[in-house]
Amino acid sequence: MGIFGSKKEEKTVEKKEAPRAVAPRDISGVIIRPRVTEKALLGVDNNVYTFEIRRDASKYDVRDAVKELYGVTPVKVRTVTQQPRRVMKRTKGRVIGVKGLKKAYVYLKEGDTITLA
């Protein structure tokens, strides 16, 4: 019985990888607006800027948009997604809907600043 004892020859086939086509990204509408809240303004002292971004935007889209719009290169970008939810309002027991959003925390190196005017 040669079923278990025979070794099969491995065929080596070289796979040719096709060059990836990089699609141009539209980064003009990635950043919706800067977040101007008390918590966001406390981060400005540590070179952390907060932006409201599109839901389908990635960290790399935000990085490229900040480079293009503000002329600074971010060290790190973190994104946070806040899910939409329903909240009980205090008066009359009404339920209201709170819209969700996506935020990006953009970290800059020491000395770089963004003017949010």
PDB file of N, CA and C in Angstrom:
ATOM      1  N   MET A   1       0.833  -1.169   0.000  1.00  0.00           N
ATOM      2  CA  MET A   1       0.000   0.000   0.000  1.00  0.00           C
ATOM      3  C   MET A   1       0.882   1.238   0.000  1.00  0.00           C
ATOM      4  N   GLY A   2       0.822   1.959  -1.047  1.00  0.00           N
ATOM      5  CA  GLY A   2       1.668   3.129  -1.185  1.00  0.00           C
ATOM      6  C   GLY A   2       0.963   4.426  -0.898  1.00  0.00           C
ATOM      7  N   ILE A   3      -0.163   4.349  -0.231  1.00  0.00           N
ATOM      8  CA  ILE A   3      -0.912   5.584  -0.002  1.00  0.00           C
ATOM      9  C   ILE A   3      -0.201   6.475   1.005  1.00  0.00           C
ATOM     10  N   PHE A   4       0.246   5.906   2.124  1.00  0.00           N
ATOM     11  CA  PHE A   4       0.825   6.729   3.179  1.00  0.00           C
ATOM     12  C   PHE A   4       2.320   6.907   3.033  1.00  0.00           C
ATOM     13  N   GLY A   5       2.973   6.047   2.315  1.00  0.00           N
ATOM     14  CA  GLY A   5       4.416   6.099   2.264  1.00  0.00           C
ATOM     15  C   GLY A   5       4.970   6.893   1.101  1.00  0.00           C
ATOM     16  N   SER A   6       4.193   7.190   0.110  1.00  0.00           N
ATOM     17  CA  SER A   6       4.741   7.880  -1.053  1.00  0.00           C
ATOM     18  C   SER A   6       4.719   9.392  -0.844  1.00  0.00           C
ATOM     19  N   LYS A   7       5.722  10.030  -1.342  1.00  0.00           N
ATOM     20  CA  LYS A   7       5.803  11.483  -1.235  1.00  0.00           C
ATOM     21  C   LYS A   7       5.458  12.080  -2.587  1.00  0.00           C
ATOM     22  N   LYS A   8       4.612  13.056  -2.525  1.00  0.00           N
ATOM     23  CA  LYS A   8       4.217  13.720  -3.752  1.00  0.00           C
ATOM     24  C   LYS A   8       5.202  14.847  -4.040  1.00  0.00           C
ATOM     25  N   GLU A   9       5.467  15.010  -5.298  1.00  0.00           N
ATOM     26  CA  GLU A   9       6.380  16.086  -5.694  1.00  0.00           C
ATOM     27  C   GLU A   9       5.633  17.416  -5.647  1.00  0.00           C
ATOM     28  N   GLU A  10       6.294  18.376  -5.047  1.00  0.00           N
ATOM     29  CA  GLU A  10       5.701  19.703  -4.981  1.00  0.00           C
ATOM     30  C   GLU A  10       6.106  20.485  -6.209  1.00  0.00           C
ATOM     31  N   LYS A  11       5.129  21.035  -6.835  1.00  0.00           N
ATOM     32  CA  LYS A  11       5.393  21.837  -8.018  1.00  0.00           C
ATOM     33  C   LYS A  11       5.526  23.290  -7.591  1.00  0.00           C
ATOM     34  N   THR A  12       6.583  23.902  -8.007  1.00  0.00           N
ATOM     35  CA  THR A  12       6.784  25.313  -7.692  1.00  0.00           C
ATOM     36  C   THR A  12       6.379  26.129  -8.898  1.00  0.00           C
ATOM     37  N   VAL A  13       5.378  26.893  -8.708  1.00  0.00           N
ATOM     38  CA  VAL A  13       4.888  27.756  -9.760  1.00  0.00           C
ATOM     39  C   VAL A  13       5.095  29.186  -9.307  1.00  0.00           C
ATOM     40  N   GLU A  14       5.771  29.949 -10.103  1.00  0.00           N
ATOM     41  CA  GLU A  14       6.018  31.341  -9.762  1.00  0.00           C
ATOM     42  C   GLU A  14       4.784  32.161 -10.128  1.00  0.00           C
ATOM     43  N   LYS A  15       4.298  32.860  -9.145  1.00  0.00           N
ATOM     44  CA  LYS A  15       3.144  33.718  -9.380  1.00  0.00           C
ATOM     45  C   LYS A  15       3.634  35.122  -9.694  1.00  0.00           C
ATOM     46  N   LYS A  16       3.124  35.639 -10.760  1.00  0.00           N
ATOM     47  CA  LYS A  16       3.461  37.004 -11.125  1.00  0.00           C
ATOM     48  C   LYS A  16       2.386  37.918 -10.579  1.00  0.00           C
ATOM     49  N   GLU A  17       2.812  38.873  -9.760  1.00  0.00           N
ATOM     50  CA  GLU A  17       1.861  39.802  -9.181  1.00  0.00           C
ATOM     51  C   GLU A  17       1.670  40.975 -10.118  1.00  0.00           C
ATOM     52  N   ALA A  18       0.427  41.282 -10.349  1.00  0.00           N
ATOM     53  CA  ALA A  18       0.107  42.423 -11.191  1.00  0.00           C
ATOM     54  C   ALA A  18       0.324  43.691 -10.387  1.00  0.00           C
ATOM     55  N   PRO A  19       0.813  44.740 -10.995  1.00  0.00           N
ATOM     56  CA  PRO A  19       0.991  45.992 -10.252  1.00  0.00           C
ATOM     57  C   PRO A  19      -0.367  46.538  -9.829  1.00  0.00           C
ATOM     58  N   ARG A  20      -0.429  46.983  -8.598  1.00  0.00           N
ATOM     59  CA  ARG A  20      -1.687  47.509  -8.079  1.00  0.00           C
ATOM     60  C   ARG A  20      -1.947  48.896  -8.653  1.00  0.00           C
ATOM     61  N   ALA A  21      -3.158  49.070  -9.069  1.00  0.00           N
ATOM     62  CA  ALA A  21      -3.562  50.378  -9.571  1.00  0.00           C
ATOM     63  C   ALA A  21      -4.090  51.183  -8.389  1.00  0.00           C
ATOM     64  N   VAL A  22      -3.467  52.294  -8.120  1.00  0.00           N
ATOM     65  CA  VAL A  22      -3.880  53.135  -7.004  1.00  0.00           C
ATOM     66  C   VAL A  22      -4.906  54.132  -7.528  1.00  0.00           C
ATOM     67  N   ALA A  23      -6.091  54.030  -6.991  1.00  0.00           N
ATOM     68  CA  ALA A  23      -7.161  54.928  -7.419  1.00  0.00           C
ATOM     69  C   ALA A  23      -6.970  56.286  -6.759  1.00  0.00           C
ATOM     70  N   PRO A  24      -7.166  57.349  -7.494  1.00  0.00           N
ATOM     71  CA  PRO A  24      -7.048  58.673  -6.880  1.00  0.00           C
ATOM     72  C   PRO A  24      -8.177  58.888  -5.885  1.00  0.00           C
ATOM     73  N   ARG A  25      -7.821  59.424  -4.726  1.00  0.00           N
ATOM     74  CA  ARG A  25      -8.809  59.669  -3.676  1.00  0.00           C
ATOM     75  C   ARG A  25      -9.230  61.121  -3.696  1.00  0.00           C
ATOM     76  N   ASP A  26     -10.492  61.341  -3.421  1.00  0.00           N
ATOM     77  CA  ASP A  26     -11.009  62.701  -3.314  1.00  0.00           C
ATOM     78  C   ASP A  26     -10.948  63.104  -1.848  1.00  0.00           C
ATOM     79  N   ILE A  27      -9.982  63.935  -1.493  1.00  0.00           N
ATOM     80  CA  ILE A  27      -9.810  64.310  -0.088  1.00  0.00           C
ATOM     81  C   ILE A  27     -10.336  65.713   0.203  1.00  0.00           C
ATOM     82  N   SER A  28     -11.060  66.283  -0.761  1.00  0.00           N
ATOM     83  CA  SER A  28     -11.535  67.649  -0.559  1.00  0.00           C
ATOM     84  C   SER A  28     -12.607  67.734   0.530  1.00  0.00           C
ATOM     85  N   GLY A  29     -13.423  66.695   0.697  1.00  0.00           N
ATOM     86  CA  GLY A  29     -14.490  66.756   1.685  1.00  0.00           C
ATOM     87  C   GLY A  29     -14.287  65.829   2.860  1.00  0.00           C
ATOM     88  N   VAL A  30     -13.048  65.409   3.118  1.00  0.00           N
ATOM     89  CA  VAL A  30     -12.784  64.485   4.216  1.00  0.00           C
ATOM     90  C   VAL A  30     -13.033  65.156   5.553  1.00  0.00           C
ATOM     91  N   ILE A  31     -12.469  66.335   5.737  1.00  0.00           N
ATOM     92  CA  ILE A  31     -12.644  67.077   6.990  1.00  0.00           C
ATOM     93  C   ILE A  31     -13.884  67.945   6.861  1.00  0.00           C
ATOM     94  N   ILE A  32     -14.862  67.694   7.728  1.00  0.00           N
ATOM     95  CA  ILE A  32     -16.102  68.469   7.695  1.00  0.00           C
ATOM     96  C   ILE A  32     -15.896  69.806   8.405  1.00  0.00           C
ATOM     97  N   ARG A  33     -15.391  69.740   9.646  1.00  0.00           N
ATOM     98  CA  ARG A  33     -15.125  70.968  10.398  1.00  0.00           C
ATOM     99  C   ARG A  33     -14.256  70.640  11.603  1.00  0.00           C
ATOM    100  N   PRO A  34     -13.515  71.617  12.107  1.00  0.00           N
ATOM    101  CA  PRO A  34     -12.790  71.375  13.356  1.00  0.00           C
ATOM    102  C   PRO A  34     -13.766  71.355  14.528  1.00  0.00           C
ATOM    103  N   ARG A  35     -13.492  70.523  15.524  1.00  0.00           N
ATOM    104  CA  ARG A  35     -14.325  70.442  16.726  1.00  0.00           C
ATOM    105  C   ARG A  35     -13.842  71.508  17.695  1.00  0.00           C
ATOM    106  N   VAL A  36     -14.692  72.458  17.989  1.00  0.00           N
ATOM    107  CA  VAL A  36     -14.343  73.523  18.926  1.00  0.00           C
ATOM    108  C   VAL A  36     -15.194  73.310  20.172  1.00  0.00           C
ATOM    109  N   THR A  37     -14.701  72.455  21.049  1.00  0.00           N
ATOM    110  CA  THR A  37     -15.333  72.198  22.331  1.00  0.00           C
ATOM    111  C   THR A  37     -14.289  72.436  23.419  1.00  0.00           C
ATOM    112  N   GLU A  38     -14.737  72.412  24.641  1.00  0.00           N
ATOM    113  CA  GLU A  38     -13.807  72.647  25.742  1.00  0.00           C
ATOM    114  C   GLU A  38     -12.734  71.562  25.793  1.00  0.00           C
ATOM    115  N   LYS A  39     -13.143  70.329  25.625  1.00  0.00           N
ATOM    116  CA  LYS A  39     -12.191  69.216  25.658  1.00  0.00           C
ATOM    117  C   LYS A  39     -11.226  69.279  24.472  1.00  0.00           C
ATOM    118  N   ALA A  40     -11.737  69.646  23.300  1.00  0.00           N
ATOM    119  CA  ALA A  40     -10.886  69.721  22.120  1.00  0.00           C
ATOM    120  C   ALA A  40      -9.859  70.846  22.249  1.00  0.00           C
ATOM    121  N   LEU A  41     -10.258  71.959  22.854  1.00  0.00           N
ATOM    122  CA  LEU A  41      -9.333  73.079  23.015  1.00  0.00           C
ATOM    123  C   LEU A  41      -8.272  72.798  24.072  1.00  0.00           C
ATOM    124  N   LEU A  42      -8.559  71.917  25.037  1.00  0.00           N
ATOM    125  CA  LEU A  42      -7.531  71.525  25.995  1.00  0.00           C
ATOM    126  C   LEU A  42      -6.430  70.717  25.319  1.00  0.00           C
ATOM    127  N   GLY A  43      -6.765  69.984  24.274  1.00  0.00           N
ATOM    128  CA  GLY A  43      -5.770  69.195  23.550  1.00  0.00           C
ATOM    129  C   GLY A  43      -4.842  70.028  22.695  1.00  0.00           C
ATOM    130  N   VAL A  44      -5.255  71.242  22.340  1.00  0.00           N
ATOM    131  CA  VAL A  44      -4.423  72.103  21.498  1.00  0.00           C
ATOM    132  C   VAL A  44      -3.109  72.440  22.200  1.00  0.00           C
ATOM    133  N   ASP A  45      -3.116  72.518  23.519  1.00  0.00           N
ATOM    134  CA  ASP A  45      -1.886  72.790  24.269  1.00  0.00           C
ATOM    135  C   ASP A  45      -0.856  71.672  24.077  1.00  0.00           C
ATOM    136  N   ASN A  46      -1.326  70.454  23.820  1.00  0.00           N
ATOM    137  CA  ASN A  46      -0.428  69.305  23.618  1.00  0.00           C
ATOM    138  C   ASN A  46      -0.262  68.955  22.144  1.00  0.00           C
ATOM    139  N   ASN A  47      -0.567  69.899  21.249  1.00  0.00           N
ATOM    140  CA  ASN A  47      -0.487  69.704  19.797  1.00  0.00           C
ATOM    141  C   ASN A  47      -1.391  68.590  19.300  1.00  0.00           C
ATOM    142  N   VAL A  48      -2.589  68.478  19.877  1.00  0.00           N
ATOM    143  CA  VAL A  48      -3.599  67.520  19.424  1.00  0.00           C
ATOM    144  C   VAL A  48      -4.799  68.320  18.945  1.00  0.00           C
ATOM    145  N   TYR A  49      -5.152  68.168  17.675  1.00  0.00           N
ATOM    146  CA  TYR A  49      -6.272  68.889  17.093  1.00  0.00           C
ATOM    147  C   TYR A  49      -7.374  67.898  16.759  1.00  0.00           C
ATOM    148  N   THR A  50      -8.621  68.305  16.983  1.00  0.00           N
ATOM    149  CA  THR A  50      -9.758  67.422  16.785  1.00  0.00           C
ATOM    150  C   THR A  50     -10.593  67.937  15.619  1.00  0.00           C
ATOM    151  N   PHE A  51     -10.922  67.022  14.701  1.00  0.00           N
ATOM    152  CA  PHE A  51     -11.727  67.361  13.534  1.00  0.00           C
ATOM    153  C   PHE A  51     -12.899  66.405  13.425  1.00  0.00           C
ATOM    154  N   GLU A  52     -14.007  66.905  12.909  1.00  0.00           N
ATOM    155  CA  GLU A  52     -15.126  66.051  12.557  1.00  0.00           C
ATOM    156  C   GLU A  52     -14.920  65.654  11.098  1.00  0.00           C
ATOM    157  N   ILE A  53     -14.992  64.350  10.827  1.00  0.00           N
ATOM    158  CA  ILE A  53     -14.677  63.849   9.488  1.00  0.00           C
ATOM    159  C   ILE A  53     -15.835  63.018   8.948  1.00  0.00           C
ATOM    160  N   ARG A  54     -15.748  62.703   7.648  1.00  0.00           N
ATOM    161  CA  ARG A  54     -16.756  61.837   7.039  1.00  0.00           C
ATOM    162  C   ARG A  54     -16.692  60.445   7.634  1.00  0.00           C
ATOM    163  N   ARG A  55     -17.816  59.739   7.616  1.00  0.00           N
ATOM    164  CA  ARG A  55     -17.865  58.398   8.195  1.00  0.00           C
ATOM    165  C   ARG A  55     -17.014  57.391   7.424  1.00  0.00           C
ATOM    166  N   ASP A  56     -16.853  57.577   6.125  1.00  0.00           N
ATOM    167  CA  ASP A  56     -16.092  56.620   5.331  1.00  0.00           C
ATOM    168  C   ASP A  56     -14.625  57.005   5.177  1.00  0.00           C
ATOM    169  N   ALA A  57     -14.192  58.036   5.881  1.00  0.00           N
ATOM    170  CA  ALA A  57     -12.801  58.492   5.780  1.00  0.00           C
ATOM    171  C   ALA A  57     -11.889  57.608   6.623  1.00  0.00           C
ATOM    172  N   SER A  58     -10.703  57.352   6.105  1.00  0.00           N
ATOM    173  CA  SER A  58      -9.717  56.570   6.848  1.00  0.00           C
ATOM    174  C   SER A  58      -8.676  57.509   7.457  1.00  0.00           C
ATOM    175  N   LYS A  59      -7.787  56.937   8.259  1.00  0.00           N
ATOM    176  CA  LYS A  59      -6.719  57.730   8.867  1.00  0.00           C
ATOM    177  C   LYS A  59      -5.821  58.337   7.797  1.00  0.00           C
ATOM    178  N   TYR A  60      -5.616  57.589   6.729  1.00  0.00           N
ATOM    179  CA  TYR A  60      -4.734  58.055   5.663  1.00  0.00           C
ATOM    180  C   TYR A  60      -5.377  59.196   4.889  1.00  0.00           C
ATOM    181  N   ASP A  61      -6.699  59.164   4.727  1.00  0.00           N
ATOM    182  CA  ASP A  61      -7.399  60.274   4.089  1.00  0.00           C
ATOM    183  C   ASP A  61      -7.281  61.534   4.938  1.00  0.00           C
ATOM    184  N   VAL A  62      -7.421  61.377   6.252  1.00  0.00           N
ATOM    185  CA  VAL A  62      -7.317  62.530   7.158  1.00  0.00           C
ATOM    186  C   VAL A  62      -5.902  63.094   7.122  1.00  0.00           C
ATOM    187  N   ARG A  63      -4.902  62.208   7.140  1.00  0.00           N
ATOM    188  CA  ARG A  63      -3.511  62.654   7.077  1.00  0.00           C
ATOM    189  C   ARG A  63      -3.253  63.473   5.814  1.00  0.00           C
ATOM    190  N   ASP A  64      -3.715  62.973   4.665  1.00  0.00           N
ATOM    191  CA  ASP A  64      -3.505  63.682   3.407  1.00  0.00           C
ATOM    192  C   ASP A  64      -4.271  64.992   3.352  1.00  0.00           C
ATOM    193  N   ALA A  65      -5.479  65.022   3.932  1.00  0.00           N
ATOM    194  CA  ALA A  65      -6.273  66.250   3.932  1.00  0.00           C
ATOM    195  C   ALA A  65      -5.625  67.322   4.809  1.00  0.00           C
ATOM    196  N   VAL A  66      -5.084  66.931   5.955  1.00  0.00           N
ATOM    197  CA  VAL A  66      -4.411  67.897   6.834  1.00  0.00           C
ATOM    198  C   VAL A  66      -3.156  68.437   6.154  1.00  0.00           C
ATOM    199  N   LYS A  67      -2.429  67.562   5.454  1.00  0.00           N
ATOM    200  CA  LYS A  67      -1.249  68.027   4.717  1.00  0.00           C
ATOM    201  C   LYS A  67      -1.635  69.062   3.672  1.00  0.00           C
ATOM    202  N   GLU A  68      -2.720  68.777   2.943  1.00  0.00           N
ATOM    203  CA  GLU A  68      -3.124  69.665   1.861  1.00  0.00           C
ATOM    204  C   GLU A  68      -3.738  70.970   2.366  1.00  0.00           C
ATOM    205  N   LEU A  69      -4.628  70.881   3.360  1.00  0.00           N
ATOM    206  CA  LEU A  69      -5.353  72.071   3.815  1.00  0.00           C
ATOM    207  C   LEU A  69      -4.525  72.980   4.714  1.00  0.00           C
ATOM    208  N   TYR A  70      -3.751  72.394   5.628  1.00  0.00           N
ATOM    209  CA  TYR A  70      -3.053  73.193   6.633  1.00  0.00           C
ATOM    210  C   TYR A  70      -1.542  73.243   6.443  1.00  0.00           C
ATOM    211  N   GLY A  71      -0.993  72.424   5.571  1.00  0.00           N
ATOM    212  CA  GLY A  71       0.437  72.475   5.291  1.00  0.00           C
ATOM    213  C   GLY A  71       1.321  71.917   6.376  1.00  0.00           C
ATOM    214  N   VAL A  72       0.801  71.052   7.241  1.00  0.00           N
ATOM    215  CA  VAL A  72       1.593  70.403   8.284  1.00  0.00           C
ATOM    216  C   VAL A  72       1.440  68.896   8.149  1.00  0.00           C
ATOM    217  N   THR A  73       2.467  68.167   8.569  1.00  0.00           N
ATOM    218  CA  THR A  73       2.442  66.708   8.497  1.00  0.00           C
ATOM    219  C   THR A  73       2.145  66.137   9.876  1.00  0.00           C
ATOM    220  N   PRO A  74       1.056  65.395  10.013  1.00  0.00           N
ATOM    221  CA  PRO A  74       0.727  64.807  11.320  1.00  0.00           C
ATOM    222  C   PRO A  74       1.684  63.678  11.690  1.00  0.00           C
ATOM    223  N   VAL A  75       1.967  63.567  12.979  1.00  0.00           N
ATOM    224  CA  VAL A  75       2.773  62.468  13.495  1.00  0.00           C
ATOM    225  C   VAL A  75       1.909  61.223  13.628  1.00  0.00           C
ATOM    226  N   LYS A  76       0.666  61.417  14.108  1.00  0.00           N
ATOM    227  CA  LYS A  76      -0.236  60.302  14.367  1.00  0.00           C
ATOM    228  C   LYS A  76      -1.665  60.789  14.188  1.00  0.00           C
ATOM    229  N   VAL A  77      -2.546  59.896  13.721  1.00  0.00           N
ATOM    230  CA  VAL A  77      -3.964  60.205  13.579  1.00  0.00           C
ATOM    231  C   VAL A  77      -4.751  59.078  14.231  1.00  0.00           C
ATOM    232  N   ARG A  78      -5.672  59.434  15.119  1.00  0.00           N
ATOM    233  CA  ARG A  78      -6.561  58.451  15.731  1.00  0.00           C
ATOM    234  C   ARG A  78      -7.992  58.828  15.397  1.00  0.00           C
ATOM    235  N   THR A  79      -8.806  57.826  15.110  1.00  0.00           N
ATOM    236  CA  THR A  79     -10.201  58.086  14.775  1.00  0.00           C
ATOM    237  C   THR A  79     -11.121  57.446  15.802  1.00  0.00           C
ATOM    238  N   VAL A  80     -12.255  58.106  16.040  1.00  0.00           N
ATOM    239  CA  VAL A  80     -13.256  57.624  16.987  1.00  0.00           C
ATOM    240  C   VAL A  80     -14.616  57.745  16.308  1.00  0.00           C
ATOM    241  N   THR A  81     -15.409  56.679  16.382  1.00  0.00           N
ATOM    242  CA  THR A  81     -16.752  56.700  15.825  1.00  0.00           C
ATOM    243  C   THR A  81     -17.763  56.693  16.965  1.00  0.00           C
ATOM    244  N   GLN A  82     -18.625  57.698  16.990  1.00  0.00           N
ATOM    245  CA  GLN A  82     -19.707  57.743  17.964  1.00  0.00           C
ATOM    246  C   GLN A  82     -20.974  57.277  17.259  1.00  0.00           C
ATOM    247  N   GLN A  83     -21.567  56.205  17.755  1.00  0.00           N
ATOM    248  CA  GLN A  83     -22.742  55.629  17.137  1.00  0.00           C
ATOM    249  C   GLN A  83     -23.973  56.494  17.426  1.00  0.00           C
ATOM    250  N   PRO A  84     -24.922  56.542  16.496  1.00  0.00           N
ATOM    251  CA  PRO A  84     -26.172  57.244  16.795  1.00  0.00           C
ATOM    252  C   PRO A  84     -26.946  56.497  17.872  1.00  0.00           C
ATOM    253  N   ARG A  85     -27.659  57.232  18.704  1.00  0.00           N
ATOM    254  CA  ARG A  85     -28.374  56.593  19.809  1.00  0.00           C
ATOM    255  C   ARG A  85     -29.637  57.368  20.115  1.00  0.00           C
ATOM    256  N   ARG A  86     -30.504  56.745  20.890  1.00  0.00           N
ATOM    257  CA  ARG A  86     -31.748  57.373  21.316  1.00  0.00           C
ATOM    258  C   ARG A  86     -31.652  57.637  22.812  1.00  0.00           C
ATOM    259  N   VAL A  87     -32.011  58.860  23.208  1.00  0.00           N
ATOM    260  CA  VAL A  87     -31.854  59.298  24.592  1.00  0.00           C
ATOM    261  C   VAL A  87     -33.193  59.795  25.113  1.00  0.00           C
ATOM    262  N   MET A  88     -33.477  59.476  26.364  1.00  0.00           N
ATOM    263  CA  MET A  88     -34.688  59.969  27.015  1.00  0.00           C
ATOM    264  C   MET A  88     -34.438  61.400  27.476  1.00  0.00           C
ATOM    265  N   LYS A  89     -35.258  62.307  26.981  1.00  0.00           N
ATOM    266  CA  LYS A  89     -35.143  63.697  27.372  1.00  0.00           C
ATOM    267  C   LYS A  89     -35.807  63.884  28.728  1.00  0.00           C
ATOM    268  N   ARG A  90     -35.320  64.814  29.514  1.00  0.00           N
ATOM    269  CA  ARG A  90     -35.833  64.985  30.874  1.00  0.00           C
ATOM    270  C   ARG A  90     -37.281  65.465  30.911  1.00  0.00           C
ATOM    271  N   THR A  91     -37.612  66.371  30.044  1.00  0.00           N
ATOM    272  CA  THR A  91     -38.956  66.929  30.111  1.00  0.00           C
ATOM    273  C   THR A  91     -39.947  66.061  29.357  1.00  0.00           C
ATOM    274  N   LYS A  92     -41.007  65.713  29.984  1.00  0.00           N
ATOM    275  CA  LYS A  92     -42.143  64.994  29.402  1.00  0.00           C
ATOM    276  C   LYS A  92     -41.796  63.590  28.907  1.00  0.00           C
ATOM    277  N   GLY A  93     -40.653  63.056  29.246  1.00  0.00           N
ATOM    278  CA  GLY A  93     -40.304  61.690  28.886  1.00  0.00           C
ATOM    279  C   GLY A  93     -40.180  61.426  27.402  1.00  0.00           C
ATOM    280  N   ARG A  94     -39.793  62.407  26.641  1.00  0.00           N
ATOM    281  CA  ARG A  94     -39.654  62.237  25.197  1.00  0.00           C
ATOM    282  C   ARG A  94     -38.327  61.568  24.870  1.00  0.00           C
ATOM    283  N   VAL A  95     -38.365  60.787  23.819  1.00  0.00           N
ATOM    284  CA  VAL A  95     -37.143  60.141  23.337  1.00  0.00           C
ATOM    285  C   VAL A  95     -36.671  60.908  22.113  1.00  0.00           C
ATOM    286  N   ILE A  96     -35.426  61.338  22.155  1.00  0.00           N
ATOM    287  CA  ILE A  96     -34.865  62.071  21.018  1.00  0.00           C
ATOM    288  C   ILE A  96     -33.707  61.269  20.434  1.00  0.00           C
ATOM    289  N   GLY A  97     -33.410  61.514  19.193  1.00  0.00           N
ATOM    290  CA  GLY A  97     -32.299  60.833  18.540  1.00  0.00           C
ATOM    291  C   GLY A  97     -31.078  61.725  18.492  1.00  0.00           C
ATOM    292  N   VAL A  98     -29.939  61.186  18.894  1.00  0.00           N
ATOM    293  CA  VAL A  98     -28.670  61.912  18.836  1.00  0.00           C
ATOM    294  C   VAL A  98     -27.900  61.373  17.641  1.00  0.00           C
ATOM    295  N   LYS A  99     -27.505  62.256  16.743  1.00  0.00           N
ATOM    296  CA  LYS A  99     -26.795  61.825  15.547  1.00  0.00           C
ATOM    297  C   LYS A  99     -25.404  61.321  15.913  1.00  0.00           C
ATOM    298  N   GLY A 100     -24.953  60.353  15.180  1.00  0.00           N
ATOM    299  CA  GLY A 100     -23.593  59.867  15.359  1.00  0.00           C
ATOM    300  C   GLY A 100     -22.631  60.690  14.529  1.00  0.00           C
ATOM    301  N   LEU A 101     -21.353  60.555  14.822  1.00  0.00           N
ATOM    302  CA  LEU A 101     -20.332  61.265  14.058  1.00  0.00           C
ATOM    303  C   LEU A 101     -19.017  60.509  14.158  1.00  0.00           C
ATOM    304  N   LYS A 102     -18.066  60.936  13.361  1.00  0.00           N
ATOM    305  CA  LYS A 102     -16.734  60.353  13.403  1.00  0.00           C
ATOM    306  C   LYS A 102     -15.750  61.497  13.615  1.00  0.00           C
ATOM    307  N   LYS A 103     -14.853  61.317  14.592  1.00  0.00           N
ATOM    308  CA  LYS A 103     -13.867  62.340  14.925  1.00  0.00           C
ATOM    309  C   LYS A 103     -12.476  61.817  14.620  1.00  0.00           C
ATOM    310  N   ALA A 104     -11.577  62.738  14.377  1.00  0.00           N
ATOM    311  CA  ALA A 104     -10.173  62.390  14.186  1.00  0.00           C
ATOM    312  C   ALA A 104      -9.338  63.266  15.101  1.00  0.00           C
ATOM    313  N   TYR A 105      -8.471  62.617  15.875  1.00  0.00           N
ATOM    314  CA  TYR A 105      -7.497  63.330  16.692  1.00  0.00           C
ATOM    315  C   TYR A 105      -6.191  63.340  15.916  1.00  0.00           C
ATOM    316  N   VAL A 106      -5.714  64.541  15.570  1.00  0.00           N
ATOM    317  CA  VAL A 106      -4.510  64.697  14.763  1.00  0.00           C
ATOM    318  C   VAL A 106      -3.398  65.197  15.673  1.00  0.00           C
ATOM    319  N   TYR A 107      -2.334  64.412  15.788  1.00  0.00           N
ATOM    320  CA  TYR A 107      -1.189  64.753  16.625  1.00  0.00           C
ATOM    321  C   TYR A 107      -0.107  65.372  15.741  1.00  0.00           C
ATOM    322  N   LEU A 108       0.376  66.544  16.137  1.00  0.00           N
ATOM    323  CA  LEU A 108       1.430  67.222  15.392  1.00  0.00           C
ATOM    324  C   LEU A 108       2.713  67.213  16.200  1.00  0.00           C
ATOM    325  N   LYS A 109       3.842  67.373  15.498  1.00  0.00           N
ATOM    326  CA  LYS A 109       5.109  67.418  16.215  1.00  0.00           C
ATOM    327  C   LYS A 109       5.279  68.784  16.866  1.00  0.00           C
ATOM    328  N   GLU A 110       6.194  68.850  17.803  1.00  0.00           N
ATOM    329  CA  GLU A 110       6.448  70.067  18.571  1.00  0.00           C
ATOM    330  C   GLU A 110       6.825  71.207  17.628  1.00  0.00           C
ATOM    331  N   GLY A 111       6.156  72.330  17.766  1.00  0.00           N
ATOM    332  CA  GLY A 111       6.461  73.488  16.947  1.00  0.00           C
ATOM    333  C   GLY A 111       5.468  73.716  15.817  1.00  0.00           C
ATOM    334  N   ASP A 112       4.769  72.660  15.353  1.00  0.00           N
ATOM    335  CA  ASP A 112       3.756  72.819  14.311  1.00  0.00           C
ATOM    336  C   ASP A 112       2.437  73.244  14.937  1.00  0.00           C
ATOM    337  N   THR A 113       1.720  74.132  14.269  1.00  0.00           N
ATOM    338  CA  THR A 113       0.421  74.569  14.750  1.00  0.00           C
ATOM    339  C   THR A 113      -0.547  74.672  13.584  1.00  0.00           C
ATOM    340  N   ILE A 114      -1.825  74.640  13.919  1.00  0.00           N
ATOM    341  CA  ILE A 114      -2.897  74.841  12.946  1.00  0.00           C
ATOM    342  C   ILE A 114      -3.740  75.988  13.465  1.00  0.00           C
ATOM    343  N   THR A 115      -4.028  76.944  12.602  1.00  0.00           N
ATOM    344  CA  THR A 115      -4.868  78.070  12.990  1.00  0.00           C
ATOM    345  C   THR A 115      -6.317  77.722  12.679  1.00  0.00           C
ATOM    346  N   LEU A 116      -7.138  77.645  13.725  1.00  0.00           N
ATOM    347  CA  LEU A 116      -8.552  77.295  13.563  1.00  0.00           C
ATOM    348  C   LEU A 116      -9.403  78.540  13.661  1.00  0.00           C
ATOM    349  N   ALA A 117      -9.312  79.392  12.657  1.00  0.00           N
ATOM    350  CA  ALA A 117     -10.085  80.635  12.689  1.00  0.00           C
ATOM    351  C   ALA A 117     -11.165  80.631  11.646  1.00  0.00           C
TER     352      ALA A 117
END
